């Protein structure tokens, strides 16, 4: 009996070590299951899913499979299971189908003018929940990108350090600034050696500072088959503009509801995440070049991003 207990303990320790080593080497994949919405419109769920995929991709040091991409890898019966998956056995089964190391389930519940996001992160091989997090965000599609990034940042703090990426890891390199002090340059009368390490430290600090995404003042959603046919476009091309803030940057540039965004800064887009991937890296004052499809013709506009206004000013 003791032998079997010791053997089980050694095997469990080896599995944990192998899992942590794989994460440290950048191996594995994290799959986001379809967001389960409670009283949240489908259109908002789709934009929320893309915003979460972008946030996980930016903030975690692991390959990320978004909900939309994962759905294409599952059969219709498996897609229905994924929509209601909420236990370890289900997480493990779907994780293996998606060839994922970790699985994230997300529930979005509308309550009191906000959307409560509830996360569970499961280890597929060990069949255990390694992190939970719950936090509300504003029920405003225009702020989903910023809000999801902030919430995923809090969830990241509960995950193994090997999974974390971004400014928090980059900041750990700052202790290297002390190295020039070890060089016996102080007794020498050469003052030129002192400014060099100081000038090198400034760019490093600038890199660690995250850029606050600018506000474009528009919402967009995927193009379904009917919308593509109506616009005269091939399926999978562009995203549909579903809302434009009257006094926002997009409106000022000439963007209207019903326009189709084909390119962002010269890059073709096929999903809201493609737009978020470009815009979320630019701050207020930056410009974004959009190629639109309007009345069967391409139209180019330039949107100058601004700081997001208070919620009362966005309407």
Protein backbone atom coordinates (compact mmCIF):
# COMPACT_ATOMS: atom_id res chain seq x y z
CA UNK A 1 0.00 0.00 0.00
CA UNK A 2 2.82 2.39 0.86
CA UNK A 3 4.51 1.61 -2.46
CA UNK A 4 1.37 2.43 -4.43
CA UNK A 5 0.82 5.67 -2.48
CA UNK A 6 4.42 6.75 -3.06
CA UNK A 7 4.16 5.85 -6.74
CA UNK A 8 0.98 7.94 -7.11
CA UNK A 9 2.62 10.89 -5.34
CA UNK A 10 5.71 10.74 -7.59
CA UNK A 11 3.58 10.53 -10.73
CA UNK A 12 1.46 13.52 -9.65
CA UNK A 13 4.58 15.57 -8.87
CA UNK A 14 6.09 14.66 -12.23
CA UNK A 15 2.91 15.67 -14.04
CA UNK A 16 2.85 19.05 -12.27
CA UNK A 17 6.54 19.64 -13.04
CA UNK A 18 6.07 18.74 -16.70
CA UNK A 19 3.04 21.04 -16.96
CA UNK A 20 4.87 24.00 -15.41
CA UNK A 21 7.94 23.35 -17.59
CA UNK A 22 5.78 23.30 -20.72
CA UNK A 23 4.20 26.62 -19.77
CA UNK A 24 7.59 28.15 -19.04
CA UNK A 25 8.78 27.10 -22.50
CA UNK A 26 5.74 28.71 -24.15
CA UNK A 27 4.11 25.38 -25.05
CA UNK A 28 0.42 24.58 -24.93
CA UNK A 29 -2.71 26.44 -25.90
CA UNK A 30 -5.53 28.19 -24.04
CA UNK A 31 -9.00 27.77 -25.56
CA UNK A 32 -11.83 30.19 -24.74
CA UNK A 33 -15.21 28.45 -24.80
CA UNK A 34 -18.26 30.30 -26.22
CA UNK A 35 -19.41 33.02 -23.83
CA UNK A 36 -22.59 31.97 -22.04
CA UNK A 37 -24.91 34.98 -21.97
CA UNK A 38 -27.72 35.58 -19.50
CA UNK A 39 -29.98 38.44 -20.70
CA UNK A 40 -27.13 39.78 -22.87
CA UNK A 41 -27.97 40.27 -26.60
CA UNK A 42 -26.24 37.98 -29.09
CA UNK A 43 -24.66 40.92 -30.93
CA UNK A 44 -23.01 42.09 -27.70
CA UNK A 45 -21.86 38.54 -26.88
CA UNK A 46 -20.04 38.36 -30.24
CA UNK A 47 -18.22 41.65 -29.67
CA UNK A 48 -17.47 40.64 -26.07
CA UNK A 49 -16.00 37.32 -27.28
CA UNK A 50 -13.66 39.11 -29.68
CA UNK A 51 -12.62 41.61 -27.00
CA UNK A 52 -11.80 38.77 -24.58
CA UNK A 53 -9.78 36.92 -27.23
CA UNK A 54 -7.73 40.06 -27.84
CA UNK A 55 -7.16 40.65 -24.11
CA UNK A 56 -6.06 37.05 -23.41
CA UNK A 57 -3.74 37.13 -26.44
CA UNK A 58 -2.05 40.35 -25.28
CA UNK A 59 -1.76 39.50 -21.58
CA UNK A 60 -0.88 35.78 -21.48
CA UNK A 61 2.33 34.05 -22.57
CA UNK A 62 0.52 31.15 -24.28
CA UNK A 63 -1.16 30.57 -27.62
CA UNK A 64 -4.82 31.61 -27.42
CA UNK A 65 -7.71 30.07 -29.37
CA UNK A 66 -10.68 32.45 -29.45
CA UNK A 67 -14.27 31.26 -29.08
CA UNK A 68 -15.05 31.95 -32.76
CA UNK A 69 -12.03 29.95 -33.95
CA UNK A 70 -12.73 27.11 -31.54
CA UNK A 71 -16.35 26.86 -32.68
CA UNK A 72 -15.16 26.01 -36.21
CA UNK A 73 -13.18 23.04 -34.84
CA UNK A 74 -16.23 21.49 -33.15
CA UNK A 75 -19.13 19.53 -34.62
CA UNK A 76 -22.67 21.01 -34.23
CA UNK A 77 -23.46 18.69 -31.27
CA UNK A 78 -20.17 19.66 -29.61
CA UNK A 79 -20.95 23.34 -30.16
CA UNK A 80 -24.21 22.92 -28.22
CA UNK A 81 -22.32 21.20 -25.41
CA UNK A 82 -19.75 24.02 -25.34
CA UNK A 83 -22.52 26.63 -24.95
CA UNK A 84 -23.55 25.06 -21.61
CA UNK A 85 -20.24 23.52 -20.46
CA UNK A 86 -19.73 24.12 -16.73
CA UNK A 87 -17.95 21.11 -15.17
CA UNK A 88 -14.49 19.56 -15.21
CA UNK A 89 -15.45 16.51 -17.25
CA UNK A 90 -16.89 18.76 -19.97
CA UNK A 91 -13.91 21.14 -19.86
CA UNK A 92 -11.50 18.22 -20.23
CA UNK A 93 -13.43 16.62 -23.11
CA UNK A 94 -13.72 19.85 -25.10
CA UNK A 95 -10.14 20.83 -24.28
CA UNK A 96 -8.88 17.62 -25.87
CA UNK A 97 -11.06 18.19 -28.94
CA UNK A 98 -9.57 21.69 -29.26
CA UNK A 99 -6.04 20.37 -28.55
CA UNK A 100 -5.77 22.82 -25.66
CA UNK A 101 -3.72 22.71 -22.46
CA UNK A 102 -6.08 25.10 -20.64
CA UNK A 103 -9.76 25.91 -21.09
CA UNK A 104 -11.54 29.13 -20.05
CA UNK A 105 -15.29 29.31 -19.54
CA UNK A 106 -16.95 32.72 -19.39
CA UNK A 107 -20.44 33.64 -18.24
CA UNK A 108 -21.86 37.11 -18.94
CA UNK A 109 -24.88 38.13 -16.88
CA UNK A 110 -26.71 41.44 -17.30
CA UNK A 111 -27.53 43.07 -13.96
CA UNK A 112 -28.17 46.66 -12.83
CA UNK A 113 -26.86 48.27 -16.01
CA UNK A 114 -23.65 46.23 -15.98
CA UNK A 115 -22.41 42.88 -17.28
CA UNK A 116 -21.05 40.50 -14.65
CA UNK A 117 -18.23 38.35 -16.08
CA UNK A 118 -17.50 35.03 -14.33
CA UNK A 119 -14.37 33.09 -15.32
CA UNK A 120 -13.16 29.54 -14.69
CA UNK A 121 -9.75 28.39 -15.94
CA UNK A 122 -9.32 24.60 -16.07
CA UNK A 123 -6.20 22.48 -16.60
CA UNK A 124 -7.22 19.88 -19.19
CA UNK A 125 -4.71 17.17 -18.23
CA UNK A 126 -4.99 17.49 -14.46
CA UNK A 127 -8.77 18.08 -14.65
CA UNK A 128 -8.81 20.81 -12.05
CA UNK A 129 -9.85 24.46 -11.81
CA UNK A 130 -6.67 26.53 -11.42
CA UNK A 131 -8.28 29.98 -11.24
CA UNK A 132 -11.65 31.69 -10.77
CA UNK A 133 -12.53 35.36 -11.12
CA UNK A 134 -15.71 37.43 -11.14
CA UNK A 135 -15.98 41.13 -11.96
CA UNK A 136 -18.58 43.49 -13.51
CA UNK A 137 -17.93 45.68 -16.54
CA UNK A 138 -19.97 48.47 -18.09
CA UNK A 139 -22.79 47.44 -20.42
CA UNK A 140 -21.40 49.58 -23.25
CA UNK A 141 -20.11 47.92 -26.40
CA UNK A 142 -17.77 50.86 -27.04
CA UNK A 143 -15.76 50.15 -23.88
CA UNK A 144 -15.63 46.34 -24.08
CA UNK A 145 -12.02 46.31 -25.33
CA UNK A 146 -10.73 48.41 -22.40
CA UNK A 147 -12.95 46.73 -19.80
CA UNK A 148 -12.06 43.18 -20.88
CA UNK A 149 -8.36 44.00 -20.84
CA UNK A 150 -8.66 45.28 -17.25
CA UNK A 151 -10.64 42.24 -16.06
CA UNK A 152 -8.34 39.72 -17.78
CA UNK A 153 -5.42 41.56 -16.17
CA UNK A 154 -6.93 40.79 -12.75
CA UNK A 155 -7.52 37.14 -13.71
CA UNK A 156 -3.92 36.89 -14.92
CA UNK A 157 -2.67 37.65 -11.40
CA UNK A 158 -4.34 34.42 -10.20
CA UNK A 159 -2.62 32.24 -12.83
CA UNK A 160 0.84 30.60 -12.66
CA UNK A 161 3.60 33.14 -13.26
CA UNK A 162 4.80 31.23 -16.34
CA UNK A 163 1.53 32.17 -18.09
CA UNK A 164 1.80 35.89 -17.54
CA UNK A 165 2.99 38.33 -20.18
CA UNK A 166 3.06 42.08 -20.67
CA UNK A 167 4.26 45.05 -18.58
CA UNK A 168 4.29 43.15 -15.29
CA UNK A 169 7.04 40.79 -16.55
CA UNK A 170 8.92 43.51 -18.40
CA UNK A 171 9.17 45.54 -15.19
CA UNK A 172 11.25 42.82 -13.56
CA UNK A 173 14.19 43.75 -15.77
CA UNK A 174 14.58 47.10 -13.97
CA UNK A 175 16.97 45.76 -11.25
CA UNK A 176 19.62 45.58 -14.00
CA UNK A 177 19.97 49.35 -13.64
CA UNK A 178 22.08 48.74 -10.54
CA UNK A 179 24.78 46.95 -12.57
CA UNK A 180 26.59 50.14 -13.74
CA UNK A 181 27.10 51.07 -10.05
CA UNK A 182 29.23 47.94 -9.59
CA UNK A 183 31.72 49.14 -12.17
CA UNK A 184 34.49 51.07 -10.47
CA UNK A 185 33.87 54.18 -12.55
CA UNK A 186 33.00 56.51 -9.66
CA UNK A 187 36.60 57.19 -8.50
CA UNK A 188 37.56 58.15 -12.05
CA UNK A 189 37.27 61.84 -12.95
CA UNK A 190 35.34 61.02 -16.11
CA UNK A 191 31.83 62.43 -15.69
CA UNK A 192 30.80 61.12 -19.13
CA UNK A 193 30.35 57.56 -17.88
CA UNK A 194 27.54 58.49 -15.45
CA UNK A 195 24.91 59.87 -17.86
CA UNK A 196 25.01 56.78 -20.10
CA UNK A 197 23.16 54.32 -17.82
CA UNK A 198 20.59 57.06 -17.00
CA UNK A 199 19.80 57.72 -20.66
CA UNK A 200 19.44 53.99 -21.31
CA UNK A 201 16.96 53.61 -18.41
CA UNK A 202 14.43 56.10 -19.84
CA UNK A 203 13.46 54.12 -22.97
CA UNK A 204 13.11 50.94 -20.86
CA UNK A 205 10.60 52.67 -18.57
CA UNK A 206 8.67 54.00 -21.56
CA UNK A 207 8.30 50.47 -22.97
CA UNK A 208 6.87 49.21 -19.70
CA UNK A 209 4.12 51.85 -19.66
CA UNK A 210 0.94 50.42 -21.27
CA UNK A 211 -0.79 52.47 -23.94
CA UNK A 212 -4.37 53.43 -23.10
CA UNK A 213 -6.39 52.58 -26.23
CA UNK A 214 -8.00 55.53 -27.96
CA UNK A 215 -11.74 55.80 -28.63
CA UNK A 216 -13.05 55.50 -32.19
CA UNK A 217 -16.72 56.06 -31.37
CA UNK A 218 -18.22 53.17 -33.33
CA UNK A 219 -19.43 49.59 -32.85
CA UNK A 220 -19.13 46.76 -35.35
CA UNK A 221 -20.21 43.16 -35.68
CA UNK A 222 -19.40 40.14 -37.90
CA UNK A 223 -20.85 39.96 -41.41
CA UNK A 224 -23.25 37.02 -41.70
CA UNK A 225 -24.14 35.41 -45.02
CA UNK A 226 -27.22 37.59 -45.50
CA UNK A 227 -25.36 40.85 -44.81
CA UNK A 228 -22.52 39.85 -47.17
CA UNK A 229 -24.98 39.00 -49.95
CA UNK A 230 -26.88 42.26 -49.45
CA UNK A 231 -23.64 44.27 -49.66
CA UNK A 232 -22.39 42.33 -52.68
CA UNK A 233 -19.33 41.01 -50.84
CA UNK A 234 -17.87 37.55 -50.41
CA UNK A 235 -18.59 35.87 -47.08
CA UNK A 236 -15.87 36.51 -44.51
CA UNK A 237 -14.93 39.96 -45.81
CA UNK A 238 -15.16 42.98 -43.52
CA UNK A 239 -17.18 43.87 -40.42
CA UNK A 240 -20.50 45.73 -40.33
CA UNK A 241 -20.73 49.12 -38.59
CA UNK A 242 -23.70 48.74 -36.23
CA UNK A 243 -23.50 52.00 -34.28
CA UNK A 244 -21.75 55.38 -34.61
CA UNK A 245 -21.56 57.85 -31.72
CA UNK A 246 -23.01 61.16 -33.05
CA UNK A 247 -20.14 63.32 -31.79
CA UNK A 248 -17.44 60.65 -32.00
CA UNK A 249 -14.26 60.49 -34.12
CA UNK A 250 -15.75 57.98 -36.59
CA UNK A 251 -18.76 60.20 -37.26
CA UNK A 252 -16.47 63.17 -37.81
CA UNK A 253 -14.54 61.16 -40.40
CA UNK A 254 -17.72 60.27 -42.30
CA UNK A 255 -18.40 56.72 -41.06
CA UNK A 256 -22.11 55.75 -40.98
CA UNK A 257 -24.17 52.84 -39.67
CA UNK A 258 -24.40 50.15 -42.37
CA UNK A 259 -20.93 50.83 -43.77
CA UNK A 260 -18.63 47.81 -44.03
CA UNK A 261 -15.03 48.13 -42.80
CA UNK A 262 -12.83 46.23 -45.29
CA UNK A 263 -9.37 47.32 -44.13
CA UNK A 264 -7.79 48.93 -41.07
CA UNK A 265 -4.43 50.60 -41.72
CA UNK A 266 -4.19 48.61 -44.94
CA UNK A 267 -4.89 45.24 -43.32
CA UNK A 268 -7.94 43.23 -44.41
CA UNK A 269 -10.37 42.47 -41.57
CA UNK A 270 -12.83 39.59 -41.24
CA UNK A 271 -13.91 39.84 -37.59
CA UNK A 272 -14.26 42.51 -34.87
CA UNK A 273 -11.09 41.14 -33.22
CA UNK A 274 -9.09 42.20 -36.31
CA UNK A 275 -10.20 45.81 -35.81
CA UNK A 276 -9.60 45.71 -32.04
CA UNK A 277 -6.13 44.26 -32.61
CA UNK A 278 -5.06 47.43 -34.44
CA UNK A 279 -7.03 50.11 -32.58
CA UNK A 280 -6.23 48.83 -29.07
CA UNK A 281 -2.52 49.51 -29.66
CA UNK A 282 -3.08 53.20 -30.45
CA UNK A 283 -3.73 56.03 -28.02
CA UNK A 284 -5.68 59.27 -28.25
CA UNK A 285 -4.34 61.54 -30.98
CA UNK A 286 -3.29 58.63 -33.20
CA UNK A 287 -4.95 58.10 -36.57
CA UNK A 288 -6.52 54.97 -38.05
CA UNK A 289 -7.00 54.61 -41.82
CA UNK A 290 -10.23 52.79 -42.72
CA UNK A 291 -11.22 51.41 -46.11
CA UNK A 292 -15.03 51.26 -46.19
CA UNK A 293 -17.51 49.61 -48.54
CA UNK A 294 -20.30 52.10 -49.20
CA UNK A 295 -23.01 51.63 -51.83
CA UNK A 296 -20.92 49.17 -53.82
CA UNK A 297 -17.75 51.30 -53.80
CA UNK A 298 -14.65 51.60 -51.66
CA UNK A 299 -14.24 54.76 -49.61
CA UNK A 300 -11.14 55.72 -47.61
CA UNK A 301 -11.37 57.78 -44.40
CA UNK A 302 -8.98 58.66 -41.60
CA UNK A 303 -10.23 58.57 -38.00
CA UNK A 304 -8.37 60.51 -35.30
CA UNK A 305 -8.76 58.68 -32.00
CA UNK A 306 -9.79 60.49 -28.81
CA UNK A 307 -9.97 59.66 -25.11
CA UNK A 308 -13.18 57.79 -24.30
CA UNK A 309 -15.76 60.24 -22.87
CA UNK A 310 -17.83 59.63 -19.76
CA UNK A 311 -20.74 57.24 -20.31
CA UNK A 312 -23.25 60.08 -20.10
CA UNK A 313 -21.50 61.82 -23.00
CA UNK A 314 -21.41 58.85 -25.36
CA UNK A 315 -25.08 58.82 -26.28
